[in-house]
C-alpha atoms as a PDB file:
ATOM      1  CA  MET A   1      11.410 168.473 249.551  1.00  0.00           C
ATOM      2  CA  GLU A   2      10.894 164.890 248.359  1.00  0.00           C
ATOM      3  CA  PHE A   3      10.033 166.099 244.821  1.00  0.00           C
ATOM      4  CA  LEU A   4      13.589 167.456 244.614  1.00  0.00           C
ATOM      5  CA  LEU A   5      15.205 164.062 245.236  1.00  0.00           C
ATOM      6  CA  PRO A   6      15.167 162.995 241.562  1.00  0.00           C
ATOM      7  CA  TYR A   7      16.902 166.263 240.650  1.00  0.00           C
ATOM      8  CA  LEU A   8      19.697 166.160 243.228  1.00  0.00           C
ATOM      9  CA  PRO A   9      22.276 164.509 240.825  1.00  0.00           C
ATOM     10  CA  VAL A  10      21.835 167.659 238.665  1.00  0.00           C
ATOM     11  CA  ILE A  11      21.393 170.260 241.364  1.00  0.00           C
ATOM     12  CA  ILE A  12      24.443 169.262 243.508  1.00  0.00           C
ATOM     13  CA  PRO A  13      26.998 169.707 240.708  1.00  0.00           C
ATOM     14  CA  ILE A  14      25.483 173.020 239.744  1.00  0.00           C
ATOM     15  CA  LEU A  15      25.648 174.275 243.348  1.00  0.00           C
ATOM     16  CA  VAL A  16      29.270 173.149 243.614  1.00  0.00           C
ATOM     17  CA  ILE A  17      30.175 174.999 240.371  1.00  0.00           C
ATOM     18  CA  LEU A  18      28.390 178.130 241.684  1.00  0.00           C
ATOM     19  CA  ILE A  19      30.260 178.017 244.983  1.00  0.00           C
ATOM     20  CA  ILE A  20      33.586 177.564 243.215  1.00  0.00           C
ATOM     21  CA  LEU A  21      32.792 180.537 240.977  1.00  0.00           C
ATOM     22  CA  LEU A  22      31.776 182.721 243.922  1.00  0.00           C
ATOM     23  CA  MET A  23      34.812 181.738 246.003  1.00  0.00           C
ATOM     24  CA  GLY A  24      37.307 181.939 243.162  1.00  0.00           C
ATOM     25  CA  TYR A  25      36.266 185.153 241.522  1.00  0.00           C
ATOM     26  CA  VAL A  26      39.017 187.728 241.494  1.00  0.00           C
ATOM     27  CA  LYS A  27      39.469 191.088 239.824  1.00  0.00           C
ATOM     28  CA  ALA A  28      42.928 192.679 239.447  1.00  0.00           C
ATOM     29  CA  PRO A  29      43.164 196.463 239.747  1.00  0.00           C
ATOM     30  CA  PRO A  30      45.156 198.360 237.019  1.00  0.00           C
ATOM     31  CA  ASP A  31      48.198 198.857 239.264  1.00  0.00           C
ATOM     32  CA  GLN A  32      48.559 195.146 240.145  1.00  0.00           C
ATOM     33  CA  ALA A  33      49.185 191.850 238.342  1.00  0.00           C
ATOM     34  CA  TYR A  34      47.256 188.863 239.715  1.00  0.00           C
ATOM     35  CA  ILE A  35      49.240 185.692 238.971  1.00  0.00           C
ATOM     36  CA  ILE A  36      47.212 182.503 239.086  1.00  0.00           C
ATOM     37  CA  SER A  37      49.283 179.268 239.095  1.00  0.00           C
ATOM     38  CA  GLY A  38      48.912 175.612 240.068  1.00  0.00           C
ATOM     39  CA  LEU A  39      46.960 173.716 237.413  1.00  0.00           C
ATOM     40  CA  ARG A  40      48.489 174.945 234.232  1.00  0.00           C
ATOM     41  CA  LYS A  41      52.074 174.830 232.969  1.00  0.00           C
ATOM     42  CA  ASN A  42      52.138 178.627 232.456  1.00  0.00           C
ATOM     43  CA  SER A  43      50.646 181.000 234.961  1.00  0.00           C
ATOM     44  CA  ARG A  44      47.712 183.186 234.122  1.00  0.00           C
ATOM     45  CA  ILE A  45      48.278 186.941 234.604  1.00  0.00           C
ATOM     46  CA  LEU A  46      45.426 189.331 235.111  1.00  0.00           C
ATOM     47  CA  ILE A  47      45.960 193.084 234.939  1.00  0.00           C
ATOM     48  CA  GLY A  48      42.824 195.197 235.249  1.00  0.00           C
ATOM     49  CA  GLN A  49      40.737 192.124 234.457  1.00  0.00           C
ATOM     50  CA  ALA A  50      38.540 189.604 236.213  1.00  0.00           C
ATOM     51  CA  GLY A  51      39.143 185.865 236.369  1.00  0.00           C
ATOM     52  CA  ILE A  52      38.473 182.661 238.253  1.00  0.00           C
ATOM     53  CA  ARG A  53      40.940 181.002 240.642  1.00  0.00           C
ATOM     54  CA  ILE A  54      39.938 177.429 241.570  1.00  0.00           C
ATOM     55  CA  PRO A  55      40.003 177.403 245.374  1.00  0.00           C
ATOM     56  CA  PHE A  56      42.489 175.014 247.060  1.00  0.00           C
ATOM     57  CA  LEU A  57      43.866 173.996 243.690  1.00  0.00           C
ATOM     58  CA  GLU A  58      45.313 177.265 242.321  1.00  0.00           C
ATOM     59  CA  ARG A  59      47.466 179.845 243.981  1.00  0.00           C
ATOM     60  CA  LEU A  60      47.008 183.624 243.756  1.00  0.00           C
ATOM     61  CA  ASP A  61      50.008 186.020 244.018  1.00  0.00           C
ATOM     62  CA  LYS A  62      49.958 189.729 243.560  1.00  0.00           C
ATOM     63  CA  LEU A  63      52.661 191.910 241.979  1.00  0.00           C
ATOM     64  CA  TYR A  64      52.571 195.723 242.440  1.00  0.00           C
ATOM     65  CA  LEU A  65      52.922 197.476 239.079  1.00  0.00           C
ATOM     66  CA  GLY A  66      52.669 201.160 240.187  1.00  0.00           C
ATOM     67  CA  GLN A  67      55.592 203.587 239.978  1.00  0.00           C
ATOM     68  CA  MET A  68      57.920 203.901 242.905  1.00  0.00           C
ATOM     69  CA  THR A  69      60.354 206.685 243.776  1.00  0.00           C
ATOM     70  CA  VAL A  70      63.327 205.485 245.800  1.00  0.00           C
ATOM     71  CA  ASP A  71      65.219 208.110 247.830  1.00  0.00           C
ATOM     72  CA  ILE A  72      68.928 207.064 247.522  1.00  0.00           C
ATOM     73  CA  LYS A  73      71.363 208.903 249.728  1.00  0.00           C
ATOM     74  CA  THR A  74      74.988 208.126 250.422  1.00  0.00           C
ATOM     75  CA  GLU A  75      74.930 207.248 254.116  1.00  0.00           C
ATOM     76  CA  GLN A  76      78.627 208.123 254.252  1.00  0.00           C
ATOM     77  CA  SER A  77      80.744 210.284 252.057  1.00  0.00           C
ATOM     78  CA  VAL A  78      82.074 208.513 248.961  1.00  0.00           C
ATOM     79  CA  PRO A  79      85.421 209.379 247.345  1.00  0.00           C
ATOM     80  CA  THR A  80      85.324 210.534 243.707  1.00  0.00           C
ATOM     81  CA  ASN A  81      87.963 209.671 241.074  1.00  0.00           C
ATOM     82  CA  ASP A  82      89.924 212.800 242.154  1.00  0.00           C
ATOM     83  CA  PHE A  83      89.798 211.927 245.892  1.00  0.00           C
ATOM     84  CA  ILE A  84      87.016 214.350 246.890  1.00  0.00           C
ATOM     85  CA  ASN A  85      84.502 213.004 249.423  1.00  0.00           C
ATOM     86  CA  VAL A  86      80.963 213.707 248.294  1.00  0.00           C
ATOM     87  CA  SER A  87      77.391 213.036 249.513  1.00  0.00           C
ATOM     88  CA  VAL A  88      74.804 212.514 246.754  1.00  0.00           C
ATOM     89  CA  ASP A  89      71.000 212.385 246.927  1.00  0.00           C
ATOM     90  CA  VAL A  90      69.412 210.592 243.894  1.00  0.00           C
ATOM     91  CA  TRP A  91      65.747 209.797 243.232  1.00  0.00           C
ATOM     92  CA  PRO A  92      65.345 206.896 240.781  1.00  0.00           C
ATOM     93  CA  ARG A  93      61.763 206.319 239.601  1.00  0.00           C
ATOM     94  CA  CYS A  94      61.034 202.644 239.077  1.00  0.00           C
ATOM     95  CA  ALA A  95      58.195 200.273 238.066  1.00  0.00           C
ATOM     96  CA  SER A  96      57.490 196.622 237.354  1.00  0.00           C
ATOM     97  CA  PRO A  97      57.113 196.301 233.597  1.00  0.00           C
ATOM     98  CA  ARG A  98      53.719 195.154 232.414  1.00  0.00           C
ATOM     99  CA  GLY A  99      53.856 192.012 230.315  1.00  0.00           C
ATOM    100  CA  GLU A 100      52.333 188.677 229.601  1.00  0.00           C
ATOM    101  CA  ARG A 101      55.008 186.691 231.427  1.00  0.00           C
ATOM    102  CA  HIS A 102      56.108 187.129 235.008  1.00  0.00           C
ATOM    103  CA  PRO A 103      59.937 187.776 235.269  1.00  0.00           C
ATOM    104  CA  ALA A 104      61.767 184.945 236.908  1.00  0.00           C
ATOM    105  CA  GLY A 105      63.466 187.044 239.553  1.00  0.00           C
ATOM    106  CA  GLY A 106      60.245 188.820 240.461  1.00  0.00           C
ATOM    107  CA  GLU A 107      59.195 186.199 242.997  1.00  0.00           C
ATOM    108  CA  LYS A 108      61.061 188.243 245.639  1.00  0.00           C
ATOM    109  CA  LEU A 109      58.632 191.084 245.051  1.00  0.00           C
ATOM    110  CA  LEU A 110      55.382 189.151 245.142  1.00  0.00           C
ATOM    111  CA  ASN A 111      52.619 190.152 247.601  1.00  0.00           C
ATOM    112  CA  LYS A 112      54.516 193.296 248.738  1.00  0.00           C
ATOM    113  CA  LYS A 113      53.308 196.888 248.777  1.00  0.00           C
ATOM    114  CA  GLY A 114      55.041 199.602 246.749  1.00  0.00           C
ATOM    115  CA  ASN A 115      56.832 201.093 249.800  1.00  0.00           C
ATOM    116  CA  ASP A 116      58.173 197.721 250.812  1.00  0.00           C
ATOM    117  CA  ILE A 117      59.499 197.044 247.295  1.00  0.00           C
ATOM    118  CA  ALA A 118      61.177 200.416 247.242  1.00  0.00           C
ATOM    119  CA  MET A 119      62.985 199.608 250.517  1.00  0.00           C
ATOM    120  CA  ASP A 120      64.129 196.270 249.069  1.00  0.00           C
ATOM    121  CA  LEU A 121      65.642 198.072 246.047  1.00  0.00           C
ATOM    122  CA  LYS A 122      67.401 200.718 248.110  1.00  0.00           C
ATOM    123  CA  ASP A 123      70.539 198.830 249.055  1.00  0.00           C
ATOM    124  CA  SER A 124      71.217 197.676 245.464  1.00  0.00           C
ATOM    125  CA  LEU A 125      70.702 201.123 244.057  1.00  0.00           C
ATOM    126  CA  GLN A 126      72.971 202.724 246.675  1.00  0.00           C
ATOM    127  CA  GLY A 127      75.756 200.282 245.728  1.00  0.00           C
ATOM    128  CA  ASN A 128      75.371 201.107 242.056  1.00  0.00           C
ATOM    129  CA  MET A 129      75.573 204.810 242.732  1.00  0.00           C
ATOM    130  CA  ARG A 130      78.659 204.506 244.910  1.00  0.00           C
ATOM    131  CA  GLU A 131      80.446 202.533 242.114  1.00  0.00           C
ATOM    132  CA  ILE A 132      79.693 205.218 239.585  1.00  0.00           C
ATOM    133  CA  ILE A 133      80.809 208.074 241.867  1.00  0.00           C
ATOM    134  CA  GLY A 134      84.186 206.356 242.277  1.00  0.00           C
ATOM    135  CA  THR A 135      84.781 206.536 238.486  1.00  0.00           C
ATOM    136  CA  LEU A 136      83.966 210.259 238.005  1.00  0.00           C
ATOM    137  CA  THR A 137      85.619 213.533 239.070  1.00  0.00           C
ATOM    138  CA  LEU A 138      83.753 216.046 241.263  1.00  0.00           C
ATOM    139  CA  GLU A 139      83.518 218.473 238.393  1.00  0.00           C
ATOM    140  CA  LYS A 140      82.018 215.843 236.076  1.00  0.00           C
ATOM    141  CA  ILE A 141      79.423 214.906 238.701  1.00  0.00           C
ATOM    142  CA  ASN A 142      78.458 218.458 239.443  1.00  0.00           C
ATOM    143  CA  THR A 143      78.463 220.044 235.962  1.00  0.00           C
ATOM    144  CA  ASP A 144      77.114 217.113 233.924  1.00  0.00           C
ATOM    145  CA  ARG A 145      74.447 215.632 236.133  1.00  0.00           C
ATOM    146  CA  ASP A 146      72.505 214.231 233.193  1.00  0.00           C
ATOM    147  CA  SER A 147      75.525 212.078 232.263  1.00  0.00           C
ATOM    148  CA  PHE A 148      75.941 211.008 235.876  1.00  0.00           C
ATOM    149  CA  SER A 149      72.321 209.964 236.210  1.00  0.00           C
ATOM    150  CA  ASP A 150      72.452 208.083 232.918  1.00  0.00           C
ATOM    151  CA  GLN A 151      75.429 206.121 234.139  1.00  0.00           C
ATOM    152  CA  VAL A 152      73.698 205.299 237.398  1.00  0.00           C
ATOM    153  CA  MET A 153      70.661 204.137 235.402  1.00  0.00           C
ATOM    154  CA  ARG A 154      72.675 201.900 233.084  1.00  0.00           C
ATOM    155  CA  LYS A 155      74.629 200.385 235.960  1.00  0.00           C
ATOM    156  CA  ALA A 156      71.549 199.750 238.134  1.00  0.00           C
ATOM    157  CA  SER A 157      69.386 198.528 235.259  1.00  0.00           C
ATOM    158  CA  ARG A 158      71.391 195.247 235.077  1.00  0.00           C
ATOM    159  CA  ASP A 159      70.518 194.346 238.626  1.00  0.00           C
ATOM    160  CA  MET A 160      66.959 195.670 238.495  1.00  0.00           C
ATOM    161  CA  GLU A 161      66.139 193.619 235.380  1.00  0.00           C
ATOM    162  CA  LYS A 162      66.822 190.396 237.327  1.00  0.00           C
ATOM    163  CA  LEU A 163      63.953 191.425 239.645  1.00  0.00           C
ATOM    164  CA  GLY A 164      61.683 192.486 236.828  1.00  0.00           C
ATOM    165  CA  ILE A 165      62.117 196.213 237.699  1.00  0.00           C
ATOM    166  CA  GLU A 166      62.469 198.903 235.133  1.00  0.00           C
ATOM    167  CA  ILE A 167      64.179 202.249 235.900  1.00  0.00           C
ATOM    168  CA  LEU A 168      62.087 204.964 234.293  1.00  0.00           C
ATOM    169  CA  SER A 169      64.242 207.986 235.284  1.00  0.00           C
ATOM    170  CA  CYS A 170      66.934 208.994 237.712  1.00  0.00           C
ATOM    171  CA  ASN A 171      67.046 212.550 239.118  1.00  0.00           C
ATOM    172  CA  ILE A 172      70.075 214.022 240.953  1.00  0.00           C
ATOM    173  CA  GLN A 173      68.570 216.046 243.752  1.00  0.00           C
ATOM    174  CA  ASN A 174      71.695 217.207 245.609  1.00  0.00           C
ATOM    175  CA  VAL A 175      75.508 216.927 245.510  1.00  0.00           C
ATOM    176  CA  GLN A 176      77.666 218.112 248.365  1.00  0.00           C
ATOM    177  CA  ASP A 177      81.347 217.834 249.255  1.00  0.00           C
ATOM    178  CA  GLU A 178      83.170 218.177 252.569  1.00  0.00           C
ATOM    179  CA  ASN A 179      85.578 220.867 251.436  1.00  0.00           C
ATOM    180  CA  GLY A 180      83.298 223.378 249.700  1.00  0.00           C
ATOM    181  CA  LEU A 181      84.744 222.660 246.254  1.00  0.00           C
ATOM    182  CA  ILE A 182      81.389 222.716 244.582  1.00  0.00           C
ATOM    183  CA  GLN A 183      80.847 226.342 245.657  1.00  0.00           C
ATOM    184  CA  ASP A 184      84.298 227.172 244.238  1.00  0.00           C
ATOM    185  CA  LEU A 185      83.311 225.505 241.048  1.00  0.00           C
ATOM    186  CA  GLY A 186      80.296 227.673 240.771  1.00  0.00           C
ATOM    187  CA  ALA A 187      82.456 230.766 241.359  1.00  0.00           C
ATOM    188  CA  GLU A 188      85.094 229.505 238.964  1.00  0.00           C
ATOM    189  CA  ASN A 189      87.817 230.072 241.550  1.00  0.00           C
ATOM    190  CA  THR A 190      90.432 228.005 239.799  1.00  0.00           C
ATOM    191  CA  SER A 191      93.364 228.635 242.136  1.00  0.00           C
ATOM    192  CA  LEU A 192      91.421 227.753 245.270  1.00  0.00           C
ATOM    193  CA  ILE A 193      90.032 224.646 243.586  1.00  0.00           C
ATOM    194  CA  LYS A 194      93.495 223.403 242.702  1.00  0.00           C
ATOM    195  CA  LYS A 195      94.791 224.144 246.232  1.00  0.00           C
ATOM    196  CA  LYS A 196      91.943 222.188 247.862  1.00  0.00           C
ATOM    197  CA  ARG A 197      92.307 219.305 245.422  1.00  0.00           C
ATOM    198  CA  ARG A 198      96.001 218.990 246.305  1.00  0.00           C
ATOM    199  CA  HIS A 199      95.076 219.022 249.955  1.00  0.00           C
ATOM    200  CA  CYS A 200      92.439 216.303 249.463  1.00  0.00           C
ATOM    201  CA  GLN A 201      94.711 214.132 247.456  1.00  0.00           C
ATOM    202  CA  ALA A 202      97.494 214.515 250.063  1.00  0.00           C
ATOM    203  CA  GLN A 203      95.078 213.365 252.744  1.00  0.00           C
ATOM    204  CA  ALA A 204      94.009 210.407 250.660  1.00  0.00           C
ATOM    205  CA  ASP A 205      97.676 209.448 249.939  1.00  0.00           C
ATOM    206  CA  ARG A 206      98.480 209.601 253.677  1.00  0.00           C
ATOM    207  CA  GLY A 207      95.480 207.466 254.457  1.00  0.00           C
ATOM    208  CA  ARG A 208      96.522 204.829 251.924  1.00  0.00           C
ATOM    209  CA  GLY A 209     100.052 204.882 253.087  1.00  0.00           C
ATOM    210  CA  HIS A 210      99.141 204.449 256.729  1.00  0.00           C
ATOM    211  CA  ARG A 211      99.350 200.833 257.905  1.00  0.00           C
ATOM    212  CA  PRO A 212      98.254 199.999 261.459  1.00  0.00           C
ATOM    213  CA  GLY A 213     101.009 198.325 263.432  1.00  0.00           C
END
């Protein structure tokens, strides 16, 4: 071993470099962004690529990029613009957009699995859907579902963009009302629809006029 002593000043740095390379080697799968930060002003982002993270000096965070379907249901009936209580089931399909820069609000989604991210988005998407329902009539929601889903997408996109989430599509799975008006709409029973609407509006008016003593 003594013959190695003169070469130690060269061998030791090489060994240190090899250890750092082995410990710091990372490879991001196609459905995740590996975000390496710490030494540089701008983070490095790896998507489907390999790279080196310097151990102890650089941090590695992971951002899920796969598509997520969020099942959004109204937990309680929501009144429409014409005072009809409805329950709606919507399936937005979302994803984190791929890009060279990590969105500022996306830190909340780092190091989480797709199912966990979908749960985080659920409350915000439910609130957006309830707001849109309150601006539309039952007939508009039921007969023009494409327009309804487009409005939900536009409303929700503003909040989702802050998190770095893109809404790819929004499918209306089911719309139900407490008084069976949707069935009457399908049967074009105009007189019955008008009668039930008057009843629903009268109930809503009584509810608003009631003040607990």
